[in-house]
Amino acid sequence: MATTERPATIWARRIGWFVAIWVMSVVVIGAVAWLLRLAIKG
């Protein structure tokens, strides 16, 4: 098995990490906004 990777796989991994971090941040921000809205209403 060669350890050298093609640039395509490296780019795919970087894009995968970027998408995963972006989705997690969006979910966290949405949850915080929902909790703040509940706190303000209550």
PDB file of N, CA and C in Angstrom:
ATOM      1  N   MET A   1       0.850  -1.198   0.000  1.00  0.00           N
ATOM      2  CA  MET A   1       0.000   0.000   0.000  1.00  0.00           C
ATOM      3  C   MET A   1       0.887   1.251   0.000  1.00  0.00           C
ATOM      4  N   ALA A   2       0.657   2.106  -0.971  1.00  0.00           N
ATOM      5  CA  ALA A   2       1.418   3.353  -1.027  1.00  0.00           C
ATOM      6  C   ALA A   2       0.787   4.376  -0.081  1.00  0.00           C
ATOM      7  N   THR A   3       1.651   5.107   0.604  1.00  0.00           N
ATOM      8  CA  THR A   3       1.148   6.091   1.554  1.00  0.00           C
ATOM      9  C   THR A   3       0.890   7.432   0.882  1.00  0.00           C
ATOM     10  N   THR A   4       1.334   7.582  -0.377  1.00  0.00           N
ATOM     11  CA  THR A   4       1.105   8.856  -1.070  1.00  0.00           C
ATOM     12  C   THR A   4      -0.355   8.942  -1.489  1.00  0.00           C
ATOM     13  N   GLU A   5      -0.988  10.065  -1.153  1.00  0.00           N
ATOM     14  CA  GLU A   5      -2.398  10.249  -1.496  1.00  0.00           C
ATOM     15  C   GLU A   5      -2.530  11.238  -2.640  1.00  0.00           C
ATOM     16  N   ARG A   6      -3.549  11.055  -3.444  1.00  0.00           N
ATOM     17  CA  ARG A   6      -3.806  12.000  -4.529  1.00  0.00           C
ATOM     18  C   ARG A   6      -4.363  13.297  -3.959  1.00  0.00           C
ATOM     19  N   PRO A   7      -4.111  14.416  -4.609  1.00  0.00           N
ATOM     20  CA  PRO A   7      -4.666  15.686  -4.105  1.00  0.00           C
ATOM     21  C   PRO A   7      -6.186  15.656  -4.000  1.00  0.00           C
ATOM     22  N   ALA A   8      -6.842  14.864  -4.837  1.00  0.00           N
ATOM     23  CA  ALA A   8      -8.307  14.803  -4.799  1.00  0.00           C
ATOM     24  C   ALA A   8      -8.783  14.272  -3.444  1.00  0.00           C
ATOM     25  N   THR A   9      -8.116  13.244  -2.936  1.00  0.00           N
ATOM     26  CA  THR A   9      -8.540  12.690  -1.647  1.00  0.00           C
ATOM     27  C   THR A   9      -8.286  13.689  -0.525  1.00  0.00           C
ATOM     28  N   ILE A  10      -7.172  14.423  -0.620  1.00  0.00           N
ATOM     29  CA  ILE A  10      -6.883  15.418   0.418  1.00  0.00           C
ATOM     30  C   ILE A  10      -7.937  16.518   0.381  1.00  0.00           C
ATOM     31  N   TRP A  11      -8.295  16.969  -0.823  1.00  0.00           N
ATOM     32  CA  TRP A  11      -9.328  18.012  -0.935  1.00  0.00           C
ATOM     33  C   TRP A  11     -10.667  17.491  -0.424  1.00  0.00           C
ATOM     34  N   ALA A  12     -10.988  16.224  -0.746  1.00  0.00           N
ATOM     35  CA  ALA A  12     -12.256  15.657  -0.283  1.00  0.00           C
ATOM     36  C   ALA A  12     -12.277  15.612   1.242  1.00  0.00           C
ATOM     37  N   ARG A  13     -11.145  15.251   1.846  1.00  0.00           N
ATOM     38  CA  ARG A  13     -11.091  15.194   3.312  1.00  0.00           C
ATOM     39  C   ARG A  13     -11.228  16.589   3.906  1.00  0.00           C
ATOM     40  N   ARG A  14     -10.569  17.583   3.292  1.00  0.00           N
ATOM     41  CA  ARG A  14     -10.685  18.951   3.809  1.00  0.00           C
ATOM     42  C   ARG A  14     -12.114  19.449   3.693  1.00  0.00           C
ATOM     43  N   ILE A  15     -12.748  19.178   2.565  1.00  0.00           N
ATOM     44  CA  ILE A  15     -14.136  19.619   2.378  1.00  0.00           C
ATOM     45  C   ILE A  15     -15.046  18.897   3.375  1.00  0.00           C
ATOM     46  N   GLY A  16     -14.774  17.620   3.615  1.00  0.00           N
ATOM     47  CA  GLY A  16     -15.570  16.865   4.579  1.00  0.00           C
ATOM     48  C   GLY A  16     -15.455  17.452   5.978  1.00  0.00           C
ATOM     49  N   TRP A  17     -14.217  17.791   6.380  1.00  0.00           N
ATOM     50  CA  TRP A  17     -14.024  18.404   7.691  1.00  0.00           C
ATOM     51  C   TRP A  17     -14.729  19.746   7.762  1.00  0.00           C
ATOM     52  N   PHE A  18     -14.600  20.551   6.682  1.00  0.00           N
ATOM     53  CA  PHE A  18     -15.230  21.878   6.666  1.00  0.00           C
ATOM     54  C   PHE A  18     -16.742  21.754   6.791  1.00  0.00           C
ATOM     55  N   VAL A  19     -17.336  20.815   6.045  1.00  0.00           N
ATOM     56  CA  VAL A  19     -18.791  20.638   6.090  1.00  0.00           C
ATOM     57  C   VAL A  19     -19.217  20.151   7.469  1.00  0.00           C
ATOM     58  N   ALA A  20     -18.456  19.222   8.052  1.00  0.00           N
ATOM     59  CA  ALA A  20     -18.824  18.695   9.369  1.00  0.00           C
ATOM     60  C   ALA A  20     -18.783  19.800  10.426  1.00  0.00           C
ATOM     61  N   ILE A  21     -17.717  20.613  10.399  1.00  0.00           N
ATOM     62  CA  ILE A  21     -17.607  21.696  11.383  1.00  0.00           C
ATOM     63  C   ILE A  21     -18.710  22.726  11.159  1.00  0.00           C
ATOM     64  N   TRP A  22     -19.012  23.022   9.881  1.00  0.00           N
ATOM     65  CA  TRP A  22     -20.050  24.017   9.585  1.00  0.00           C
ATOM     66  C   TRP A  22     -21.410  23.529  10.075  1.00  0.00           C
ATOM     67  N   VAL A  23     -21.723  22.248   9.821  1.00  0.00           N
ATOM     68  CA  VAL A  23     -23.018  21.706  10.253  1.00  0.00           C
ATOM     69  C   VAL A  23     -23.109  21.718  11.781  1.00  0.00           C
ATOM     70  N   MET A  24     -22.030  21.332  12.452  1.00  0.00           N
ATOM     71  CA  MET A  24     -22.058  21.321  13.916  1.00  0.00           C
ATOM     72  C   MET A  24     -22.258  22.724  14.465  1.00  0.00           C
ATOM     73  N   SER A  25     -21.573  23.707  13.871  1.00  0.00           N
ATOM     74  CA  SER A  25     -21.726  25.086  14.352  1.00  0.00           C
ATOM     75  C   SER A  25     -23.145  25.585  14.115  1.00  0.00           C
ATOM     76  N   VAL A  26     -23.733  25.237  12.973  1.00  0.00           N
ATOM     77  CA  VAL A  26     -25.105  25.668  12.682  1.00  0.00           C
ATOM     78  C   VAL A  26     -26.073  25.044  13.686  1.00  0.00           C
ATOM     79  N   VAL A  27     -25.873  23.767  13.998  1.00  0.00           N
ATOM     80  CA  VAL A  27     -26.759  23.096  14.960  1.00  0.00           C
ATOM     81  C   VAL A  27     -26.612  23.735  16.343  1.00  0.00           C
ATOM     82  N   VAL A  28     -25.385  24.011  16.751  1.00  0.00           N
ATOM     83  CA  VAL A  28     -25.163  24.606  18.078  1.00  0.00           C
ATOM     84  C   VAL A  28     -25.778  26.001  18.143  1.00  0.00           C
ATOM     85  N   ILE A  29     -25.567  26.807  17.103  1.00  0.00           N
ATOM     86  CA  ILE A  29     -26.130  28.169  17.101  1.00  0.00           C
ATOM     87  C   ILE A  29     -27.659  28.104  17.110  1.00  0.00           C
ATOM     88  N   GLY A  30     -28.230  27.165  16.358  1.00  0.00           N
ATOM     89  CA  GLY A  30     -29.685  27.028  16.343  1.00  0.00           C
ATOM     90  C   GLY A  30     -30.222  26.628  17.709  1.00  0.00           C
ATOM     91  N   ALA A  31     -29.535  25.716  18.381  1.00  0.00           N
ATOM     92  CA  ALA A  31     -29.984  25.286  19.705  1.00  0.00           C
ATOM     93  C   ALA A  31     -29.888  26.439  20.699  1.00  0.00           C
ATOM     94  N   VAL A  32     -28.812  27.206  20.639  1.00  0.00           N
ATOM     95  CA  VAL A  32     -28.650  28.340  21.559  1.00  0.00           C
ATOM     96  C   VAL A  32     -29.726  29.390  21.293  1.00  0.00           C
ATOM     97  N   ALA A  33     -30.002  29.670  20.025  1.00  0.00           N
ATOM     98  CA  ALA A  33     -31.033  30.659  19.696  1.00  0.00           C
ATOM     99  C   ALA A  33     -32.400  30.178  20.176  1.00  0.00           C
ATOM    100  N   TRP A  34     -32.670  28.868  20.039  1.00  0.00           N
ATOM    101  CA  TRP A  34     -33.952  28.327  20.490  1.00  0.00           C
ATOM    102  C   TRP A  34     -34.075  28.441  22.006  1.00  0.00           C
ATOM    103  N   LEU A  35     -32.997  28.131  22.727  1.00  0.00           N
ATOM    104  CA  LEU A  35     -33.028  28.246  24.187  1.00  0.00           C
ATOM    105  C   LEU A  35     -33.198  29.700  24.611  1.00  0.00           C
ATOM    106  N   LEU A  36     -32.518  30.627  23.928  1.00  0.00           N
ATOM    107  CA  LEU A  36     -32.675  32.047  24.268  1.00  0.00           C
ATOM    108  C   LEU A  36     -34.105  32.500  24.022  1.00  0.00           C
ATOM    109  N   ARG A  37     -34.702  32.030  22.924  1.00  0.00           N
ATOM    110  CA  ARG A  37     -36.087  32.414  22.631  1.00  0.00           C
ATOM    111  C   ARG A  37     -37.021  31.874  23.716  1.00  0.00           C
ATOM    112  N   LEU A  38     -36.785  30.639  24.142  1.00  0.00           N
ATOM    113  CA  LEU A  38     -37.613  30.073  25.215  1.00  0.00           C
ATOM    114  C   LEU A  38     -37.432  30.882  26.501  1.00  0.00           C
ATOM    115  N   ALA A  39     -36.194  31.252  26.817  1.00  0.00           N
ATOM    116  CA  ALA A  39     -35.940  32.008  28.041  1.00  0.00           C
ATOM    117  C   ALA A  39     -36.617  33.377  27.974  1.00  0.00           C
ATOM    118  N   ILE A  40     -36.572  34.017  26.814  1.00  0.00           N
ATOM    119  CA  ILE A  40     -37.189  35.347  26.687  1.00  0.00           C
ATOM    120  C   ILE A  40     -38.714  35.227  26.791  1.00  0.00           C
ATOM    121  N   LYS A  41     -39.282  34.200  26.170  1.00  0.00           N
ATOM    122  CA  LYS A  41     -40.741  34.020  26.242  1.00  0.00           C
ATOM    123  C   LYS A  41     -41.159  33.699  27.675  1.00  0.00           C
ATOM    124  N   GLY A  42     -40.410  32.816  28.331  1.00  0.00           N
ATOM    125  CA  GLY A  42     -40.765  32.397  29.674  1.00  0.00           C
ATOM    126  C   GLY A  42     -40.487  33.491  30.687  1.00  0.00           C
TER     127      GLY A  42
END
